[in-house]
Amino acid sequence: MPGLVPGIHVFLLCEVKTWMAGHRRAEATPSFRRLCPAMTRIAVGIASHSSVNVAGVDLVADLSGALFWEEQSLLVVSDLHLEKGSSFAARGVLLPPYDTVATLGRLAGVIARHDPRMVIALGDSFHDRTAHHRLSAIDRDALSALQARRHWIWISGNHDPALPCDLGGVVASEVAIGPIAFRHEPTGASGEIAGHLHPKARVSTRGRSMERRCFACDGERAVMPAFGAYTGGLSIRDAAFAKIFQTPGLMAHVLGDHRLHTIAASRCY
């Protein structure tokens, strides 16, 4: 892939020129500010991340549900499911049509915190095969503003297996950087960071139960939580995780209100 750091292997599905935003000049520039008005001053002051190690690589687990690889200046998010609300509406299930704006707003916040050179969207970025057509012009401009001056890689997922080549960035099936392989569906391989399963954990605390999104990690592989506003979750105790994590060291890095809580998966239910 032209312009990327040597040692990064991208299994391309298509490569395109950056989608240029701003058919209307007034909407082209302020999209990032619209999504992230002064939130950086608030968010940076909070201990909003902790460290997760995968195959010897230290990664920042952000409270938003993203991973940041500081050495590579790489931000990873998974399962954005953009336009899920409009997909449901087309089937007669009416939901507030604000999920794309909310998801892009959270993505703008985490990009502002870490200012990555590269972003990998780890599959199911769009809820269905035609979701990208339903993006509003303002949301397209906002997405283009987030992509500006950085490498952007879309990994194809089961919801969006044939991503179009007009979204900006590169479309790929998977990406390998050093000992880490990024793909949508987890295989259980060592050094793998995947999405797809939307892990969540339910724990008891102070006499009540709490259910939150989480990173699932055993030190050799990880499954990321879904980033999208309307995404559900699968219990980390589900058999699907047992097939991937066949070691006793599976941990749930649970996204709390102000910090991540690391809990043995065996303590979740």
Protein backbone atom coordinates (compact mmCIF):
# COMPACT_ATOMS: atom_id res chain seq x y z
CA MET A 1 0.00 0.00 0.00
CA PRO A 2 1.69 3.24 -1.07
CA GLY A 3 2.78 5.56 1.69
CA LEU A 4 2.42 3.13 4.59
CA VAL A 5 5.23 2.19 6.95
CA PRO A 6 7.32 -0.81 5.75
CA GLY A 7 6.27 -4.01 7.50
CA ILE A 8 2.54 -3.29 7.28
CA HIS A 9 0.82 -5.85 5.06
CA VAL A 10 -2.64 -4.97 3.77
CA PHE A 11 -4.70 -7.62 1.98
CA LEU A 12 -6.45 -5.26 -0.42
CA LEU A 13 -9.92 -5.56 -1.81
CA CYS A 14 -9.73 -2.13 -3.42
CA GLU A 15 -7.77 1.09 -3.11
CA VAL A 16 -9.18 4.49 -3.90
CA LYS A 17 -8.43 8.16 -3.80
CA THR A 18 -9.71 10.00 -0.77
CA TRP A 19 -13.39 10.89 -1.01
CA MET A 20 -13.43 14.66 -1.04
CA ALA A 21 -16.03 16.31 1.13
CA GLY A 22 -17.58 19.70 0.82
CA HIS A 23 -19.91 20.04 -2.14
CA ARG A 24 -21.15 23.00 -0.18
CA ARG A 25 -18.29 25.04 1.20
CA ALA A 26 -20.09 25.94 4.42
CA GLU A 27 -20.46 22.26 5.38
CA ALA A 28 -17.04 20.96 4.40
CA THR A 29 -14.75 22.31 7.09
CA PRO A 30 -16.57 22.42 10.44
CA SER A 31 -17.71 18.79 10.53
CA PHE A 32 -15.01 17.68 12.97
CA ARG A 33 -15.80 20.58 15.29
CA ARG A 34 -19.49 19.84 14.98
CA LEU A 35 -18.87 16.30 16.17
CA CYS A 36 -16.31 17.15 18.83
CA PRO A 37 -16.97 20.69 20.12
CA ALA A 38 -14.72 21.10 23.21
CA MET A 39 -14.82 17.56 24.43
CA THR A 40 -11.07 17.07 24.30
CA ARG A 41 -10.52 19.41 27.23
CA ILE A 42 -13.01 17.39 29.26
CA ALA A 43 -12.05 13.89 28.14
CA VAL A 44 -8.28 14.17 28.42
CA GLY A 45 -8.54 15.01 32.10
CA ILE A 46 -10.18 11.67 32.89
CA ALA A 47 -8.23 8.40 33.34
CA SER A 48 -10.05 6.98 30.35
CA HIS A 49 -7.82 4.10 29.33
CA SER A 50 -5.62 1.25 30.52
CA SER A 51 -3.06 -1.06 28.96
CA VAL A 52 -3.80 -4.38 27.26
CA ASN A 53 -1.05 -6.70 25.98
CA VAL A 54 -1.61 -8.87 22.90
CA ALA A 55 1.20 -11.17 21.74
CA GLY A 56 3.82 -8.96 23.40
CA VAL A 57 2.43 -5.69 22.06
CA ASP A 58 1.21 -3.08 24.56
CA LEU A 59 -1.98 -1.34 23.47
CA VAL A 60 -4.04 1.41 25.06
CA ALA A 61 -7.60 0.23 25.70
CA ASP A 62 -9.61 3.43 25.46
CA LEU A 63 -12.78 3.87 27.47
CA SER A 64 -14.65 4.49 24.21
CA GLY A 65 -14.04 0.90 23.11
CA ALA A 66 -11.13 1.69 20.76
CA LEU A 67 -7.55 0.39 20.87
CA PHE A 68 -4.52 2.61 20.30
CA TRP A 69 -1.09 1.24 19.36
CA GLU A 70 1.17 4.13 20.28
CA GLU A 71 4.30 2.77 18.59
CA GLN A 72 2.47 2.62 15.26
CA SER A 73 0.24 5.67 15.93
CA LEU A 74 -2.63 3.34 15.02
CA LEU A 75 -6.23 3.56 16.24
CA VAL A 76 -8.54 0.56 15.87
CA VAL A 77 -12.32 0.55 16.18
CA SER A 78 -14.73 -2.26 15.46
CA ASP A 79 -18.36 -2.73 14.47
CA LEU A 80 -19.52 0.84 13.93
CA HIS A 81 -22.76 -0.38 12.30
CA LEU A 82 -23.42 3.01 10.74
CA GLU A 83 -27.00 3.55 9.55
CA LYS A 84 -28.41 0.71 11.65
CA GLY A 85 -31.33 2.94 12.60
CA SER A 86 -32.30 3.59 8.98
CA SER A 87 -31.92 -0.13 8.22
CA PHE A 88 -34.44 -0.97 10.93
CA ALA A 89 -36.75 1.83 9.78
CA ALA A 90 -36.86 0.32 6.28
CA ARG A 91 -38.27 -2.83 7.91
CA GLY A 92 -40.86 -0.91 9.91
CA VAL A 93 -38.95 -0.85 13.20
CA LEU A 94 -38.75 2.84 14.06
CA LEU A 95 -35.73 3.95 16.08
CA PRO A 96 -34.45 7.49 16.64
CA PRO A 97 -32.40 8.23 13.47
CA TYR A 98 -29.37 9.58 15.29
CA ASP A 99 -27.10 6.53 15.61
CA THR A 100 -24.71 7.54 12.82
CA VAL A 101 -24.24 11.05 14.23
CA ALA A 102 -23.70 9.62 17.74
CA THR A 103 -21.19 7.01 16.54
CA LEU A 104 -19.22 9.48 14.43
CA GLY A 105 -19.23 11.88 17.37
CA ARG A 106 -17.66 9.27 19.67
CA LEU A 107 -15.18 8.40 16.93
CA ALA A 108 -14.25 12.07 16.60
CA GLY A 109 -13.63 12.21 20.34
CA VAL A 110 -11.23 9.26 20.42
CA ILE A 111 -9.40 10.53 17.32
CA ALA A 112 -9.00 13.91 19.01
CA ARG A 113 -7.52 12.22 22.10
CA HIS A 114 -4.92 10.13 20.27
CA ASP A 115 -4.40 11.91 16.91
CA PRO A 116 -3.46 8.69 15.08
CA ARG A 117 -1.61 8.53 11.77
CA MET A 118 -3.67 5.47 10.80
CA VAL A 119 -7.18 4.23 11.59
CA ILE A 120 -8.40 0.67 11.03
CA ALA A 121 -12.17 0.10 11.10
CA LEU A 122 -12.38 -3.59 11.90
CA GLY A 123 -15.41 -4.65 9.88
CA ASP A 124 -19.19 -4.17 10.02
CA SER A 125 -18.60 -0.45 9.77
CA PHE A 126 -21.94 -0.24 7.93
CA HIS A 127 -24.98 -2.18 9.04
CA ASP A 128 -25.91 -3.51 5.61
CA ARG A 129 -24.71 -3.58 2.01
CA THR A 130 -26.47 -0.33 1.04
CA ALA A 131 -26.00 1.64 4.27
CA HIS A 132 -23.31 3.88 2.78
CA HIS A 133 -25.87 5.15 0.25
CA ARG A 134 -28.05 6.37 3.13
CA LEU A 135 -25.34 8.52 4.74
CA SER A 136 -26.39 12.15 4.71
CA ALA A 137 -24.16 14.71 3.01
CA ILE A 138 -23.27 16.14 6.42
CA ASP A 139 -22.28 12.71 7.77
CA ARG A 140 -20.17 12.05 4.66
CA ASP A 141 -18.41 15.37 5.21
CA ALA A 142 -17.87 14.50 8.87
CA LEU A 143 -16.37 11.13 7.95
CA SER A 144 -14.12 12.74 5.36
CA ALA A 145 -12.93 15.26 7.96
CA LEU A 146 -11.94 12.38 10.27
CA GLN A 147 -10.00 10.73 7.43
CA ALA A 148 -8.07 13.88 6.49
CA ARG A 149 -4.27 13.66 6.77
CA ARG A 150 -4.26 10.05 7.98
CA HIS A 151 -4.27 6.56 6.50
CA TRP A 152 -7.67 4.88 6.78
CA ILE A 153 -8.36 1.17 6.26
CA TRP A 154 -11.82 -0.37 6.08
CA ILE A 155 -11.82 -4.11 6.88
CA SER A 156 -14.75 -5.89 5.25
CA GLY A 157 -17.20 -7.63 7.59
CA ASN A 158 -20.15 -9.97 7.37
CA HIS A 159 -22.61 -7.05 7.32
CA ASP A 160 -20.58 -5.12 4.72
CA PRO A 161 -18.66 -7.73 2.70
CA ALA A 162 -18.51 -5.62 -0.47
CA LEU A 163 -17.60 -2.14 0.68
CA PRO A 164 -17.60 0.43 -2.14
CA CYS A 165 -14.41 2.16 -3.20
CA ASP A 166 -15.75 5.69 -2.79
CA LEU A 167 -15.61 5.95 0.99
CA GLY A 168 -12.04 7.23 1.18
CA GLY A 169 -9.05 5.19 2.27
CA VAL A 170 -8.49 1.53 1.45
CA VAL A 171 -10.75 -1.53 1.64
CA ALA A 172 -9.05 -4.76 2.77
CA SER A 173 -9.87 -8.22 4.07
CA GLU A 174 -7.23 -8.04 6.82
CA VAL A 175 -4.09 -6.19 7.87
CA ALA A 176 -0.89 -7.59 9.41
CA ILE A 177 1.52 -5.36 11.33
CA GLY A 178 4.42 -7.13 13.02
CA PRO A 179 3.01 -9.92 15.22
CA ILE A 180 -0.56 -8.58 15.07
CA ALA A 181 -3.22 -9.53 12.51
CA PHE A 182 -6.35 -7.39 12.28
CA ARG A 183 -9.47 -9.06 10.86
CA HIS A 184 -13.21 -8.95 11.41
CA GLU A 185 -14.13 -12.48 12.44
CA PRO A 186 -11.93 -14.09 15.10
CA THR A 187 -10.23 -17.40 14.36
CA GLY A 188 -8.41 -17.89 17.67
CA ALA A 189 -4.97 -17.43 16.11
CA SER A 190 -2.21 -16.01 18.27
CA GLY A 191 -1.63 -12.29 17.68
CA GLU A 192 -5.14 -11.73 16.38
CA ILE A 193 -7.27 -8.68 17.09
CA ALA A 194 -10.82 -9.09 15.80
CA GLY A 195 -14.37 -7.87 16.29
CA HIS A 196 -17.67 -9.42 15.19
CA LEU A 197 -18.81 -10.90 18.53
CA HIS A 198 -19.58 -7.65 20.42
CA PRO A 199 -18.33 -8.90 23.82
CA LYS A 200 -20.06 -7.74 26.97
CA ALA A 201 -19.69 -8.73 30.61
CA ARG A 202 -22.18 -8.92 33.45
CA VAL A 203 -20.75 -8.68 36.94
CA SER A 204 -22.09 -8.24 40.44
CA THR A 205 -20.99 -5.18 42.37
CA ARG A 206 -22.29 -3.83 45.69
CA GLY A 207 -25.29 -6.10 45.64
CA ARG A 208 -26.41 -5.32 42.12
CA SER A 209 -25.53 -6.50 38.62
CA MET A 210 -23.93 -4.38 35.93
CA GLU A 211 -23.68 -5.25 32.22
CA ARG A 212 -21.21 -3.38 30.05
CA ARG A 213 -19.25 -3.71 26.82
CA CYS A 214 -15.75 -5.12 27.24
CA PHE A 215 -12.53 -6.11 25.55
CA ALA A 216 -12.00 -9.88 25.69
CA CYS A 217 -8.30 -10.75 25.91
CA ASP A 218 -6.09 -13.58 27.16
CA GLY A 219 -2.71 -12.01 26.32
CA GLU A 220 -2.40 -13.78 22.96
CA ARG A 221 -5.52 -12.58 21.16
CA ALA A 222 -8.31 -10.06 21.67
CA VAL A 223 -11.88 -9.42 20.59
CA MET A 224 -12.96 -5.79 20.62
CA PRO A 225 -16.28 -4.40 21.80
CA ALA A 226 -18.70 -2.96 19.27
CA PHE A 227 -18.25 0.80 18.87
CA GLY A 228 -21.61 1.65 17.30
CA ALA A 229 -24.36 3.45 19.19
CA TYR A 230 -27.05 0.86 18.44
CA THR A 231 -24.99 -2.32 18.79
CA GLY A 232 -25.90 -5.06 21.24
CA GLY A 233 -23.56 -7.54 22.83
CA LEU A 234 -22.79 -11.21 23.44
CA SER A 235 -21.85 -12.46 26.91
CA ILE A 236 -18.16 -13.20 27.32
CA ARG A 237 -19.27 -16.49 28.89
CA ASP A 238 -20.95 -17.59 25.64
CA ALA A 239 -19.61 -20.74 23.98
CA ALA A 240 -18.47 -18.64 21.01
CA PHE A 241 -15.72 -17.15 23.17
CA ALA A 242 -14.70 -20.54 24.59
CA LYS A 243 -13.90 -21.69 21.05
CA ILE A 244 -11.56 -18.75 20.53
CA PHE A 245 -9.98 -18.44 23.97
CA GLN A 246 -8.93 -21.94 24.92
CA THR A 247 -6.73 -20.82 27.82
CA PRO A 248 -7.67 -20.13 31.45
CA GLY A 249 -6.42 -16.53 31.33
CA LEU A 250 -9.35 -14.86 29.57
CA MET A 251 -10.00 -11.41 31.04
CA ALA A 252 -12.81 -8.94 30.51
CA HIS A 253 -11.64 -5.32 30.35
CA VAL A 254 -14.99 -3.76 31.17
CA LEU A 255 -15.85 -0.22 30.05
CA GLY A 256 -16.97 1.62 33.16
CA ASP A 257 -18.22 5.16 33.57
CA HIS A 258 -14.79 6.66 34.23
CA ARG A 259 -12.27 3.83 33.89
CA LEU A 260 -11.80 0.27 32.67
CA HIS A 261 -12.21 -2.59 35.13
CA THR A 262 -10.21 -5.77 34.50
CA ILE A 263 -12.10 -8.84 35.69
CA ALA A 264 -11.49 -12.56 35.12
CA ALA A 265 -14.05 -13.88 32.66
CA SER A 266 -14.79 -16.67 35.10
CA ARG A 267 -16.22 -14.07 37.51
CA CYS A 268 -18.67 -12.82 34.90
CA TYR A 269 -22.02 -14.40 34.26
